[in-house]
Amino acid sequence: MTILIPKIQILSAVLLLFFIFTFISSADATTFDWVQQEFLKAHNDLRASVGVPPLQWDANLANFAQSWANSRKQDCNYRQHSTSPYGENIYWELYRQTPASGVVQKWFSEKQFFNQATNLCNCHPEREICECGHYLNIIWRTTTKVGCSSFTYCNDQKGVYVVCSYDPIGNVKGVNPLNPGNNVAVTSPSLPPKPLNNGTARHARGQGRGRGRGRKSRRGRGRRNKRV
């Protein structure tokens, strides 16, 4: 016995499946799930440790961060920033082994390179093994919102990619991140601090690479605000 299904029912079923698939595909960016809660809590715990107010989660920033992460699936280039007006931190690792809180902690670990007396980074020039931009994006006092992507897998097993976006953007060179409204940017200090020696910098960077196990994780460059 053959059962005939009206075409309208078939079309309705197809449309329903399409909307379900679309919702699932975008859920990582739009739903405030436990991973995103962990990203937010990690940011706010570390901000509290330096005495600045907590951030609020922003779905629009999360969507933008997810969009940029998706756009880098082909090459997984963690040193390439978007052209957005937001602050931006990027993290890459070969395998997903670091939790959201660990990613934020590795960005925050750049605090060791930041000179609070001059409000400048001890790294000259700032580079992958010695930089301060991620730390500054996390703790900048006048930043009020954050949104992060999910852990996004790149094509051809190129690794796992995470992006966090910050608004308003901070990270102005030479300005006190804990009280930016009461400072003038320092562009040419008379006696810049000496850079850390290469051995120390390599060791510190290694601690940020997936528990020091070689080149299995890396931080992208924390976007510097050029609007001084």
C-alpha atoms as a PDB file:
ATOM      1  CA  MET A   1       0.000   0.000   0.000  1.00  0.00           C
ATOM      2  CA  THR A   2       1.452   3.361  -1.040  1.00  0.00           C
ATOM      3  CA  ILE A   3       0.973   6.396   1.214  1.00  0.00           C
ATOM      4  CA  LEU A   4       0.882   9.702  -0.617  1.00  0.00           C
ATOM      5  CA  ILE A   5       2.198  12.704   1.319  1.00  0.00           C
ATOM      6  CA  PRO A   6       0.933  16.088   0.140  1.00  0.00           C
ATOM      7  CA  LYS A   7       3.647  18.334  -1.299  1.00  0.00           C
ATOM      8  CA  ILE A   8       2.784  21.074   1.176  1.00  0.00           C
ATOM      9  CA  GLN A   9       3.674  18.782   4.090  1.00  0.00           C
ATOM     10  CA  ILE A  10       6.986  17.854   2.475  1.00  0.00           C
ATOM     11  CA  LEU A  11       7.801  21.530   1.924  1.00  0.00           C
ATOM     12  CA  SER A  12       6.886  22.363   5.525  1.00  0.00           C
ATOM     13  CA  ALA A  13       9.113  19.581   6.821  1.00  0.00           C
ATOM     14  CA  VAL A  14      12.044  20.795   4.692  1.00  0.00           C
ATOM     15  CA  LEU A  15      11.616  24.358   5.930  1.00  0.00           C
ATOM     16  CA  LEU A  16      11.431  23.168   9.536  1.00  0.00           C
ATOM     17  CA  LEU A  17      14.670  21.199   9.160  1.00  0.00           C
ATOM     18  CA  PHE A  18      16.328  24.242   7.570  1.00  0.00           C
ATOM     19  CA  PHE A  19      15.397  26.514  10.475  1.00  0.00           C
ATOM     20  CA  ILE A  20      16.513  23.913  13.031  1.00  0.00           C
ATOM     21  CA  PHE A  21      19.877  23.540  11.272  1.00  0.00           C
ATOM     22  CA  THR A  22      20.297  27.309  11.080  1.00  0.00           C
ATOM     23  CA  PHE A  23      19.537  27.687  14.777  1.00  0.00           C
ATOM     24  CA  ILE A  24      21.993  24.957  15.767  1.00  0.00           C
ATOM     25  CA  SER A  25      24.713  26.415  13.536  1.00  0.00           C
ATOM     26  CA  SER A  26      24.419  29.823  15.173  1.00  0.00           C
ATOM     27  CA  ALA A  27      23.826  28.635  18.730  1.00  0.00           C
ATOM     28  CA  ASP A  28      27.478  28.905  19.747  1.00  0.00           C
ATOM     29  CA  ALA A  29      27.473  32.642  19.073  1.00  0.00           C
ATOM     30  CA  THR A  30      23.977  33.626  20.233  1.00  0.00           C
ATOM     31  CA  THR A  31      23.379  31.371  23.240  1.00  0.00           C
ATOM     32  CA  PHE A  32      25.007  32.315  26.536  1.00  0.00           C
ATOM     33  CA  ASP A  33      26.177  28.775  27.263  1.00  0.00           C
ATOM     34  CA  TRP A  34      28.459  27.471  30.017  1.00  0.00           C
ATOM     35  CA  VAL A  35      31.639  28.023  27.974  1.00  0.00           C
ATOM     36  CA  GLN A  36      30.781  31.671  27.420  1.00  0.00           C
ATOM     37  CA  GLN A  37      29.876  32.002  31.093  1.00  0.00           C
ATOM     38  CA  GLU A  38      33.350  30.675  31.875  1.00  0.00           C
ATOM     39  CA  PHE A  39      34.932  33.252  29.553  1.00  0.00           C
ATOM     40  CA  LEU A  40      33.023  36.063  31.285  1.00  0.00           C
ATOM     41  CA  LYS A  41      33.749  34.825  34.817  1.00  0.00           C
ATOM     42  CA  ALA A  42      37.465  34.449  34.046  1.00  0.00           C
ATOM     43  CA  HIS A  43      37.635  38.017  32.730  1.00  0.00           C
ATOM     44  CA  ASN A  44      35.822  39.426  35.740  1.00  0.00           C
ATOM     45  CA  ASP A  45      37.797  37.438  38.307  1.00  0.00           C
ATOM     46  CA  LEU A  46      41.039  38.761  36.827  1.00  0.00           C
ATOM     47  CA  ARG A  47      39.690  42.304  36.540  1.00  0.00           C
ATOM     48  CA  ALA A  48      38.705  42.153  40.214  1.00  0.00           C
ATOM     49  CA  SER A  49      42.265  41.095  41.075  1.00  0.00           C
ATOM     50  CA  VAL A  50      43.555  44.455  39.754  1.00  0.00           C
ATOM     51  CA  GLY A  51      40.638  46.518  41.092  1.00  0.00           C
ATOM     52  CA  VAL A  52      38.622  47.354  37.970  1.00  0.00           C
ATOM     53  CA  PRO A  53      34.837  46.889  37.463  1.00  0.00           C
ATOM     54  CA  PRO A  54      33.393  43.730  35.879  1.00  0.00           C
ATOM     55  CA  LEU A  55      32.478  43.405  32.217  1.00  0.00           C
ATOM     56  CA  GLN A  56      29.025  42.626  30.849  1.00  0.00           C
ATOM     57  CA  TRP A  57      28.530  39.916  28.224  1.00  0.00           C
ATOM     58  CA  ASP A  58      27.451  41.307  24.851  1.00  0.00           C
ATOM     59  CA  ALA A  59      25.807  39.016  22.276  1.00  0.00           C
ATOM     60  CA  ASN A  60      26.684  41.332  19.377  1.00  0.00           C
ATOM     61  CA  LEU A  61      30.364  41.188  20.308  1.00  0.00           C
ATOM     62  CA  ALA A  62      30.123  37.405  20.637  1.00  0.00           C
ATOM     63  CA  ASN A  63      28.539  37.164  17.198  1.00  0.00           C
ATOM     64  CA  PHE A  64      31.254  39.336  15.699  1.00  0.00           C
ATOM     65  CA  ALA A  65      33.991  37.307  17.400  1.00  0.00           C
ATOM     66  CA  GLN A  66      32.419  34.100  16.093  1.00  0.00           C
ATOM     67  CA  SER A  67      32.169  35.549  12.596  1.00  0.00           C
ATOM     68  CA  TRP A  68      35.877  36.427  12.595  1.00  0.00           C
ATOM     69  CA  ALA A  69      36.807  32.997  13.947  1.00  0.00           C
ATOM     70  CA  ASN A  70      34.746  31.358  11.193  1.00  0.00           C
ATOM     71  CA  SER A  71      36.442  33.500   8.544  1.00  0.00           C
ATOM     72  CA  ARG A  72      39.868  32.186   9.625  1.00  0.00           C
ATOM     73  CA  LYS A  73      38.963  28.505   9.371  1.00  0.00           C
ATOM     74  CA  GLN A  74      40.938  28.104   6.161  1.00  0.00           C
ATOM     75  CA  ASP A  75      44.298  29.309   7.485  1.00  0.00           C
ATOM     76  CA  CYS A  76      43.841  29.547  11.289  1.00  0.00           C
ATOM     77  CA  ASN A  77      46.025  32.692  11.223  1.00  0.00           C
ATOM     78  CA  TYR A  78      46.105  33.791  14.854  1.00  0.00           C
ATOM     79  CA  ARG A  79      48.218  36.895  14.106  1.00  0.00           C
ATOM     80  CA  GLN A  80      45.682  38.375  11.669  1.00  0.00           C
ATOM     81  CA  HIS A  81      43.188  40.756  13.275  1.00  0.00           C
ATOM     82  CA  SER A  82      39.826  41.893  11.972  1.00  0.00           C
ATOM     83  CA  THR A  83      39.220  45.519  11.007  1.00  0.00           C
ATOM     84  CA  SER A  84      36.528  46.021  13.645  1.00  0.00           C
ATOM     85  CA  PRO A  85      36.458  49.028  16.004  1.00  0.00           C
ATOM     86  CA  TYR A  86      36.693  46.672  18.994  1.00  0.00           C
ATOM     87  CA  GLY A  87      39.567  45.486  21.119  1.00  0.00           C
ATOM     88  CA  GLU A  88      40.442  41.948  20.114  1.00  0.00           C
ATOM     89  CA  ASN A  89      42.298  38.990  21.652  1.00  0.00           C
ATOM     90  CA  ILE A  90      42.996  35.824  19.669  1.00  0.00           C
ATOM     91  CA  TYR A  91      44.169  32.438  20.887  1.00  0.00           C
ATOM     92  CA  TRP A  92      45.162  29.332  18.943  1.00  0.00           C
ATOM     93  CA  GLU A  93      46.123  25.834  19.977  1.00  0.00           C
ATOM     94  CA  LEU A  94      46.733  22.688  17.990  1.00  0.00           C
ATOM     95  CA  TYR A  95      44.334  20.602  20.080  1.00  0.00           C
ATOM     96  CA  ARG A  96      41.581  21.744  22.392  1.00  0.00           C
ATOM     97  CA  GLN A  97      43.158  21.142  25.774  1.00  0.00           C
ATOM     98  CA  THR A  98      42.826  24.518  27.493  1.00  0.00           C
ATOM     99  CA  PRO A  99      39.487  25.538  29.095  1.00  0.00           C
ATOM    100  CA  ALA A 100      38.037  29.006  28.571  1.00  0.00           C
ATOM    101  CA  SER A 101      39.363  30.180  31.930  1.00  0.00           C
ATOM    102  CA  GLY A 102      42.829  28.928  30.971  1.00  0.00           C
ATOM    103  CA  VAL A 103      42.779  30.873  27.698  1.00  0.00           C
ATOM    104  CA  VAL A 104      41.973  34.105  29.527  1.00  0.00           C
ATOM    105  CA  GLN A 105      44.607  33.351  32.169  1.00  0.00           C
ATOM    106  CA  LYS A 106      47.285  32.928  29.481  1.00  0.00           C
ATOM    107  CA  TRP A 107      46.386  36.320  28.033  1.00  0.00           C
ATOM    108  CA  PHE A 108      46.467  37.806  31.524  1.00  0.00           C
ATOM    109  CA  SER A 109      49.919  36.293  32.189  1.00  0.00           C
ATOM    110  CA  GLU A 110      51.390  39.069  30.031  1.00  0.00           C
ATOM    111  CA  LYS A 111      51.068  41.224  33.148  1.00  0.00           C
ATOM    112  CA  GLN A 112      54.627  40.144  33.982  1.00  0.00           C
ATOM    113  CA  PHE A 113      55.903  42.184  31.018  1.00  0.00           C
ATOM    114  CA  PHE A 114      53.966  45.367  31.836  1.00  0.00           C
ATOM    115  CA  ASN A 115      55.780  48.186  33.648  1.00  0.00           C
ATOM    116  CA  GLN A 116      53.274  49.905  35.931  1.00  0.00           C
ATOM    117  CA  ALA A 117      55.681  52.807  36.609  1.00  0.00           C
ATOM    118  CA  THR A 118      55.888  53.883  32.952  1.00  0.00           C
ATOM    119  CA  ASN A 119      52.616  52.295  31.714  1.00  0.00           C
ATOM    120  CA  LEU A 120      54.639  50.721  28.921  1.00  0.00           C
ATOM    121  CA  CYS A 121      55.480  47.172  27.943  1.00  0.00           C
ATOM    122  CA  ASN A 122      58.970  45.936  28.820  1.00  0.00           C
ATOM    123  CA  CYS A 123      59.195  44.336  25.368  1.00  0.00           C
ATOM    124  CA  HIS A 124      61.008  46.379  22.702  1.00  0.00           C
ATOM    125  CA  PRO A 125      59.631  45.654  20.218  1.00  0.00           C
ATOM    126  CA  GLU A 126      56.547  43.767  21.332  1.00  0.00           C
ATOM    127  CA  ARG A 127      56.543  40.370  19.663  1.00  0.00           C
ATOM    128  CA  GLU A 128      54.999  36.948  19.978  1.00  0.00           C
ATOM    129  CA  ILE A 129      57.192  35.851  22.881  1.00  0.00           C
ATOM    130  CA  CYS A 130      56.960  39.132  24.792  1.00  0.00           C
ATOM    131  CA  GLU A 131      53.953  41.450  24.599  1.00  0.00           C
ATOM    132  CA  CYS A 132      51.288  43.098  26.753  1.00  0.00           C
ATOM    133  CA  GLY A 133      48.272  43.766  24.507  1.00  0.00           C
ATOM    134  CA  HIS A 134      46.129  40.814  25.595  1.00  0.00           C
ATOM    135  CA  TYR A 135      46.564  41.694  29.268  1.00  0.00           C
ATOM    136  CA  LEU A 136      45.651  45.328  28.622  1.00  0.00           C
ATOM    137  CA  ASN A 137      42.516  44.401  26.681  1.00  0.00           C
ATOM    138  CA  ILE A 138      41.337  42.278  29.613  1.00  0.00           C
ATOM    139  CA  ILE A 139      41.898  44.803  32.410  1.00  0.00           C
ATOM    140  CA  TRP A 140      41.296  48.187  30.708  1.00  0.00           C
ATOM    141  CA  ARG A 141      39.053  50.058  33.134  1.00  0.00           C
ATOM    142  CA  THR A 142      36.838  51.906  30.642  1.00  0.00           C
ATOM    143  CA  THR A 143      36.050  48.745  28.673  1.00  0.00           C
ATOM    144  CA  THR A 144      32.576  47.624  29.739  1.00  0.00           C
ATOM    145  CA  LYS A 145      31.577  44.739  27.446  1.00  0.00           C
ATOM    146  CA  VAL A 146      33.065  41.518  26.132  1.00  0.00           C
ATOM    147  CA  GLY A 147      31.922  38.771  23.781  1.00  0.00           C
ATOM    148  CA  CYS A 148      33.857  35.641  22.799  1.00  0.00           C
ATOM    149  CA  SER A 149      33.553  33.034  20.096  1.00  0.00           C
ATOM    150  CA  SER A 150      33.226  29.353  20.767  1.00  0.00           C
ATOM    151  CA  PHE A 151      36.254  27.095  20.375  1.00  0.00           C
ATOM    152  CA  THR A 152      36.283  27.034  16.575  1.00  0.00           C
ATOM    153  CA  TYR A 153      37.970  24.173  14.723  1.00  0.00           C
ATOM    154  CA  CYS A 154      39.939  25.139  11.622  1.00  0.00           C
ATOM    155  CA  ASN A 155      39.888  23.118   8.422  1.00  0.00           C
ATOM    156  CA  ASP A 156      42.390  20.337   7.697  1.00  0.00           C
ATOM    157  CA  GLN A 157      43.216  19.910  11.397  1.00  0.00           C
ATOM    158  CA  LYS A 158      44.997  23.252  11.569  1.00  0.00           C
ATOM    159  CA  GLY A 159      43.972  23.769  15.175  1.00  0.00           C
ATOM    160  CA  VAL A 160      41.414  25.440  17.417  1.00  0.00           C
ATOM    161  CA  TYR A 161      40.747  29.187  17.346  1.00  0.00           C
ATOM    162  CA  VAL A 162      39.212  31.565  19.922  1.00  0.00           C
ATOM    163  CA  VAL A 163      38.417  35.274  19.579  1.00  0.00           C
ATOM    164  CA  CYS A 164      37.264  37.735  22.259  1.00  0.00           C
ATOM    165  CA  SER A 165      36.063  41.236  21.354  1.00  0.00           C
ATOM    166  CA  TYR A 166      36.047  44.220  23.753  1.00  0.00           C
ATOM    167  CA  ASP A 167      34.058  47.458  23.725  1.00  0.00           C
ATOM    168  CA  PRO A 168      34.879  50.277  24.099  1.00  0.00           C
ATOM    169  CA  ILE A 169      38.392  49.593  22.868  1.00  0.00           C
ATOM    170  CA  GLY A 170      41.217  50.544  25.244  1.00  0.00           C
ATOM    171  CA  ASN A 171      44.861  49.503  25.073  1.00  0.00           C
ATOM    172  CA  VAL A 172      46.364  52.961  24.399  1.00  0.00           C
ATOM    173  CA  LYS A 173      50.158  52.977  24.534  1.00  0.00           C
ATOM    174  CA  GLY A 174      51.593  54.762  27.558  1.00  0.00           C
ATOM    175  CA  VAL A 175      48.272  55.242  29.363  1.00  0.00           C
ATOM    176  CA  ASN A 176      47.504  53.752  32.763  1.00  0.00           C
ATOM    177  CA  PRO A 177      45.026  50.919  32.039  1.00  0.00           C
ATOM    178  CA  LEU A 178      43.633  51.054  35.577  1.00  0.00           C
ATOM    179  CA  ASN A 179      42.821  54.767  35.389  1.00  0.00           C
ATOM    180  CA  PRO A 180      42.965  55.830  31.720  1.00  0.00           C
ATOM    181  CA  GLY A 181      40.914  59.010  32.229  1.00  0.00           C
ATOM    182  CA  ASN A 182      43.645  60.556  34.366  1.00  0.00           C
ATOM    183  CA  ASN A 183      46.613  60.010  32.070  1.00  0.00           C
ATOM    184  CA  VAL A 184      48.321  61.338  28.974  1.00  0.00           C
ATOM    185  CA  ALA A 185      49.871  58.845  26.594  1.00  0.00           C
ATOM    186  CA  VAL A 186      53.636  58.540  26.861  1.00  0.00           C
ATOM    187  CA  THR A 187      55.179  58.438  23.406  1.00  0.00           C
ATOM    188  CA  SER A 188      58.903  58.836  24.101  1.00  0.00           C
ATOM    189  CA  PRO A 189      60.002  58.129  27.665  1.00  0.00           C
ATOM    190  CA  SER A 190      63.465  59.396  28.542  1.00  0.00           C
ATOM    191  CA  LEU A 191      64.648  56.070  29.940  1.00  0.00           C
ATOM    192  CA  PRO A 192      62.642  53.151  28.544  1.00  0.00           C
ATOM    193  CA  PRO A 193      62.820  49.980  30.622  1.00  0.00           C
ATOM    194  CA  LYS A 194      65.264  47.316  29.499  1.00  0.00           C
ATOM    195  CA  PRO A 195      63.656  44.414  27.621  1.00  0.00           C
ATOM    196  CA  LEU A 196      63.677  41.065  29.329  1.00  0.00           C
ATOM    197  CA  ASN A 197      66.487  38.761  28.270  1.00  0.00           C
ATOM    198  CA  ASN A 198      65.668  36.248  25.583  1.00  0.00           C
ATOM    199  CA  GLY A 199      65.891  33.262  27.895  1.00  0.00           C
ATOM    200  CA  THR A 200      63.336  34.695  30.308  1.00  0.00           C
ATOM    201  CA  ALA A 201      61.026  35.741  27.495  1.00  0.00           C
ATOM    202  CA  ARG A 202      61.120  32.313  25.880  1.00  0.00           C
ATOM    203  CA  HIS A 203      60.360  30.617  29.181  1.00  0.00           C
ATOM    204  CA  ALA A 204      57.462  32.954  29.912  1.00  0.00           C
ATOM    205  CA  ARG A 205      56.058  32.416  26.443  1.00  0.00           C
ATOM    206  CA  GLY A 206      56.429  28.682  26.811  1.00  0.00           C
ATOM    207  CA  GLN A 207      54.190  28.812  29.883  1.00  0.00           C
ATOM    208  CA  GLY A 208      51.517  30.243  27.590  1.00  0.00           C
ATOM    209  CA  ARG A 209      51.817  27.465  25.043  1.00  0.00           C
ATOM    210  CA  GLY A 210      49.716  24.691  26.437  1.00  0.00           C
ATOM    211  CA  ARG A 211      51.713  23.973  29.592  1.00  0.00           C
ATOM    212  CA  GLY A 212      55.039  24.507  27.884  1.00  0.00           C
ATOM    213  CA  ARG A 213      54.760  21.578  25.471  1.00  0.00           C
ATOM    214  CA  GLY A 214      56.271  23.264  22.439  1.00  0.00           C
ATOM    215  CA  ARG A 215      54.366  25.071  19.727  1.00  0.00           C
ATOM    216  CA  LYS A 216      50.953  23.643  20.482  1.00  0.00           C
ATOM    217  CA  SER A 217      49.240  26.879  21.471  1.00  0.00           C
ATOM    218  CA  ARG A 218      49.812  30.547  20.761  1.00  0.00           C
ATOM    219  CA  ARG A 219      48.280  33.904  21.526  1.00  0.00           C
ATOM    220  CA  GLY A 220      47.556  36.290  18.711  1.00  0.00           C
ATOM    221  CA  ARG A 221      48.697  39.884  19.111  1.00  0.00           C
ATOM    222  CA  GLY A 222      46.377  41.896  21.368  1.00  0.00           C
ATOM    223  CA  ARG A 223      45.064  44.695  19.162  1.00  0.00           C
ATOM    224  CA  ARG A 224      46.608  48.065  20.018  1.00  0.00           C
ATOM    225  CA  ASN A 225      44.324  51.095  19.969  1.00  0.00           C
ATOM    226  CA  LYS A 226      45.914  53.582  17.550  1.00  0.00           C
ATOM    227  CA  ARG A 227      43.370  56.276  18.365  1.00  0.00           C
ATOM    228  CA  VAL A 228      45.312  58.166  21.025  1.00  0.00           C
END
